[in-house]
């Protein structure tokens, strides 16, 4: 998904987040859905969500504690200034996530764009 088409995310707040992720503190939609940057404490729930999906159930493994590979991937995403992991929260429960990867692009006079994976 390109930053210009956030409708699949279901919120204009998502567009604001994708346009300026580094400034995200917490953004809340009118229906109470909020978005924030993921933290290490979220990792187990994020892996559980990935494994509880038609595609993910075939390739992901949720366990407590989570497998080392997931922790390493989270650390790499967190350390990379071109990647952000954003969680959607409703009533303090994580209900969704997206990874945003910023890439150099020739359009918009060479500005960076982002690809969001829901």
C-alpha atoms as a PDB file:
ATOM      1  CA  UNK A   1       0.000   0.000   0.000  1.00  0.00           C
ATOM      2  CA  UNK A   2       1.349   3.428  -0.908  1.00  0.00           C
ATOM      3  CA  UNK A   3       1.051   6.369   1.469  1.00  0.00           C
ATOM      4  CA  UNK A   4      -1.370   8.074  -0.923  1.00  0.00           C
ATOM      5  CA  UNK A   5      -4.012   5.355  -0.475  1.00  0.00           C
ATOM      6  CA  UNK A   6      -4.601   4.856   3.255  1.00  0.00           C
ATOM      7  CA  UNK A   7      -8.300   4.050   2.816  1.00  0.00           C
ATOM      8  CA  UNK A   8      -7.626   0.369   3.453  1.00  0.00           C
ATOM      9  CA  UNK A   9      -6.380   1.335   6.908  1.00  0.00           C
ATOM     10  CA  UNK A  10      -9.745   2.970   7.528  1.00  0.00           C
ATOM     11  CA  UNK A  11      -8.635   6.296   8.946  1.00  0.00           C
ATOM     12  CA  UNK A  12      -7.336   9.661   7.871  1.00  0.00           C
ATOM     13  CA  UNK A  13      -5.243   9.496  11.044  1.00  0.00           C
ATOM     14  CA  UNK A  14      -3.318   6.641   9.415  1.00  0.00           C
ATOM     15  CA  UNK A  15      -2.338   8.969   6.573  1.00  0.00           C
ATOM     16  CA  UNK A  16      -1.067  11.523   9.089  1.00  0.00           C
ATOM     17  CA  UNK A  17       0.956   8.816  10.801  1.00  0.00           C
ATOM     18  CA  UNK A  18       2.419   7.555   7.528  1.00  0.00           C
ATOM     19  CA  UNK A  19       3.314  11.097   6.466  1.00  0.00           C
ATOM     20  CA  UNK A  20       5.161  11.865   9.698  1.00  0.00           C
ATOM     21  CA  UNK A  21       5.753   8.690  11.694  1.00  0.00           C
ATOM     22  CA  UNK A  22       8.686  10.084  13.656  1.00  0.00           C
ATOM     23  CA  UNK A  23       6.353  12.644  15.254  1.00  0.00           C
ATOM     24  CA  UNK A  24       3.827  10.045  16.456  1.00  0.00           C
ATOM     25  CA  UNK A  25       3.107  10.214  20.143  1.00  0.00           C
ATOM     26  CA  UNK A  26      -0.433   8.872  20.021  1.00  0.00           C
ATOM     27  CA  UNK A  27      -3.229   9.641  17.588  1.00  0.00           C
ATOM     28  CA  UNK A  28      -6.842   8.677  18.245  1.00  0.00           C
ATOM     29  CA  UNK A  29      -9.676   8.434  15.741  1.00  0.00           C
ATOM     30  CA  UNK A  30     -13.246   9.492  16.477  1.00  0.00           C
ATOM     31  CA  UNK A  31     -14.202   5.858  17.183  1.00  0.00           C
ATOM     32  CA  UNK A  32     -11.469   5.433  19.793  1.00  0.00           C
ATOM     33  CA  UNK A  33      -8.887   3.614  17.691  1.00  0.00           C
ATOM     34  CA  UNK A  34      -5.406   4.897  18.443  1.00  0.00           C
ATOM     35  CA  UNK A  35      -2.073   4.442  16.689  1.00  0.00           C
ATOM     36  CA  UNK A  36       1.358   4.399  18.268  1.00  0.00           C
ATOM     37  CA  UNK A  37       4.820   3.085  17.609  1.00  0.00           C
ATOM     38  CA  UNK A  38       5.260  -0.527  18.700  1.00  0.00           C
ATOM     39  CA  UNK A  39       7.508  -1.291  21.643  1.00  0.00           C
ATOM     40  CA  UNK A  40       9.306  -4.446  22.719  1.00  0.00           C
ATOM     41  CA  UNK A  41       6.544  -5.233  25.213  1.00  0.00           C
ATOM     42  CA  UNK A  42       4.135  -5.591  22.248  1.00  0.00           C
ATOM     43  CA  UNK A  43       6.164  -8.302  20.521  1.00  0.00           C
ATOM     44  CA  UNK A  44       4.412 -11.366  21.952  1.00  0.00           C
ATOM     45  CA  UNK A  45       0.970 -10.011  21.051  1.00  0.00           C
ATOM     46  CA  UNK A  46       2.145  -9.027  17.559  1.00  0.00           C
ATOM     47  CA  UNK A  47       3.485 -12.533  16.889  1.00  0.00           C
ATOM     48  CA  UNK A  48       0.254 -14.044  18.273  1.00  0.00           C
ATOM     49  CA  UNK A  49      -1.737 -11.892  15.840  1.00  0.00           C
ATOM     50  CA  UNK A  50       0.470 -12.949  12.930  1.00  0.00           C
ATOM     51  CA  UNK A  51       0.046 -16.626  13.805  1.00  0.00           C
ATOM     52  CA  UNK A  52      -3.738 -16.234  14.218  1.00  0.00           C
ATOM     53  CA  UNK A  53      -4.340 -15.559  10.535  1.00  0.00           C
ATOM     54  CA  UNK A  54      -5.106 -17.800   7.554  1.00  0.00           C
ATOM     55  CA  UNK A  55      -1.708 -17.157   5.939  1.00  0.00           C
ATOM     56  CA  UNK A  56       0.250 -16.669   9.129  1.00  0.00           C
ATOM     57  CA  UNK A  57      -0.952 -19.927  10.661  1.00  0.00           C
ATOM     58  CA  UNK A  58       1.037 -21.745   7.986  1.00  0.00           C
ATOM     59  CA  UNK A  59       4.314 -19.916   8.597  1.00  0.00           C
ATOM     60  CA  UNK A  60       4.305 -18.224  12.014  1.00  0.00           C
ATOM     61  CA  UNK A  61       4.808 -19.813  15.418  1.00  0.00           C
ATOM     62  CA  UNK A  62       3.620 -18.123  18.573  1.00  0.00           C
ATOM     63  CA  UNK A  63       5.142 -19.257  21.831  1.00  0.00           C
ATOM     64  CA  UNK A  64       6.036 -17.764  25.162  1.00  0.00           C
ATOM     65  CA  UNK A  65       8.673 -16.524  25.059  1.00  0.00           C
ATOM     66  CA  UNK A  66       8.638 -15.654  21.354  1.00  0.00           C
ATOM     67  CA  UNK A  67      11.221 -17.258  19.092  1.00  0.00           C
ATOM     68  CA  UNK A  68      14.570 -15.489  18.869  1.00  0.00           C
ATOM     69  CA  UNK A  69      14.052 -14.681  15.183  1.00  0.00           C
ATOM     70  CA  UNK A  70      11.069 -12.470  15.976  1.00  0.00           C
ATOM     71  CA  UNK A  71      13.001 -10.574  18.642  1.00  0.00           C
ATOM     72  CA  UNK A  72      15.914 -10.084  16.256  1.00  0.00           C
ATOM     73  CA  UNK A  73      13.616  -8.853  13.485  1.00  0.00           C
ATOM     74  CA  UNK A  74      11.888  -6.438  15.875  1.00  0.00           C
ATOM     75  CA  UNK A  75      15.257  -5.083  17.019  1.00  0.00           C
ATOM     76  CA  UNK A  76      16.371  -4.635  13.394  1.00  0.00           C
ATOM     77  CA  UNK A  77      13.142  -2.794  12.483  1.00  0.00           C
ATOM     78  CA  UNK A  78      13.427  -0.611  15.581  1.00  0.00           C
ATOM     79  CA  UNK A  79      17.076   0.237  14.818  1.00  0.00           C
ATOM     80  CA  UNK A  80      16.478   1.037  11.133  1.00  0.00           C
ATOM     81  CA  UNK A  81      15.541   4.697  10.547  1.00  0.00           C
ATOM     82  CA  UNK A  82      13.773   3.639   7.326  1.00  0.00           C
ATOM     83  CA  UNK A  83      11.340   1.296   9.103  1.00  0.00           C
ATOM     84  CA  UNK A  84       8.605   1.836  11.655  1.00  0.00           C
ATOM     85  CA  UNK A  85       6.225  -0.631  13.243  1.00  0.00           C
ATOM     86  CA  UNK A  86       2.901   0.978  14.200  1.00  0.00           C
ATOM     87  CA  UNK A  87       0.189  -0.673  16.288  1.00  0.00           C
ATOM     88  CA  UNK A  88      -3.527   0.067  16.317  1.00  0.00           C
ATOM     89  CA  UNK A  89      -4.993  -0.005  19.813  1.00  0.00           C
ATOM     90  CA  UNK A  90      -8.626  -0.089  20.959  1.00  0.00           C
ATOM     91  CA  UNK A  91      -9.391   0.040  24.695  1.00  0.00           C
ATOM     92  CA  UNK A  92      -5.716  -0.691  25.453  1.00  0.00           C
ATOM     93  CA  UNK A  93      -5.822  -3.880  23.334  1.00  0.00           C
ATOM     94  CA  UNK A  94      -3.659  -4.174  20.214  1.00  0.00           C
ATOM     95  CA  UNK A  95      -6.037  -4.848  17.330  1.00  0.00           C
ATOM     96  CA  UNK A  96      -3.762  -4.296  14.337  1.00  0.00           C
ATOM     97  CA  UNK A  97      -0.316  -3.400  13.127  1.00  0.00           C
ATOM     98  CA  UNK A  98       1.457  -2.101  10.080  1.00  0.00           C
ATOM     99  CA  UNK A  99       5.067  -1.821   9.080  1.00  0.00           C
ATOM    100  CA  UNK A 100       6.088   1.303   7.218  1.00  0.00           C
ATOM    101  CA  UNK A 101       9.238   1.220   5.117  1.00  0.00           C
ATOM    102  CA  UNK A 102      10.573   4.478   3.709  1.00  0.00           C
ATOM    103  CA  UNK A 103      12.287   4.300   0.331  1.00  0.00           C
ATOM    104  CA  UNK A 104      14.007   6.819  -1.926  1.00  0.00           C
ATOM    105  CA  UNK A 105      11.878   7.614  -4.949  1.00  0.00           C
ATOM    106  CA  UNK A 106      12.196   9.660  -8.117  1.00  0.00           C
ATOM    107  CA  UNK A 107       8.712  11.180  -7.969  1.00  0.00           C
ATOM    108  CA  UNK A 108       7.938  14.266  -5.902  1.00  0.00           C
ATOM    109  CA  UNK A 109      11.345  15.650  -6.849  1.00  0.00           C
ATOM    110  CA  UNK A 110      13.251  12.763  -5.289  1.00  0.00           C
ATOM    111  CA  UNK A 111      11.520  12.702  -1.938  1.00  0.00           C
ATOM    112  CA  UNK A 112      11.156   9.594   0.153  1.00  0.00           C
ATOM    113  CA  UNK A 113       7.954   7.592  -0.015  1.00  0.00           C
ATOM    114  CA  UNK A 114       6.703   4.806   2.146  1.00  0.00           C
ATOM    115  CA  UNK A 115       5.275   1.383   1.669  1.00  0.00           C
ATOM    116  CA  UNK A 116       2.951   0.191   4.417  1.00  0.00           C
ATOM    117  CA  UNK A 117       2.373  -3.503   4.958  1.00  0.00           C
ATOM    118  CA  UNK A 118      -0.757  -4.268   6.933  1.00  0.00           C
END
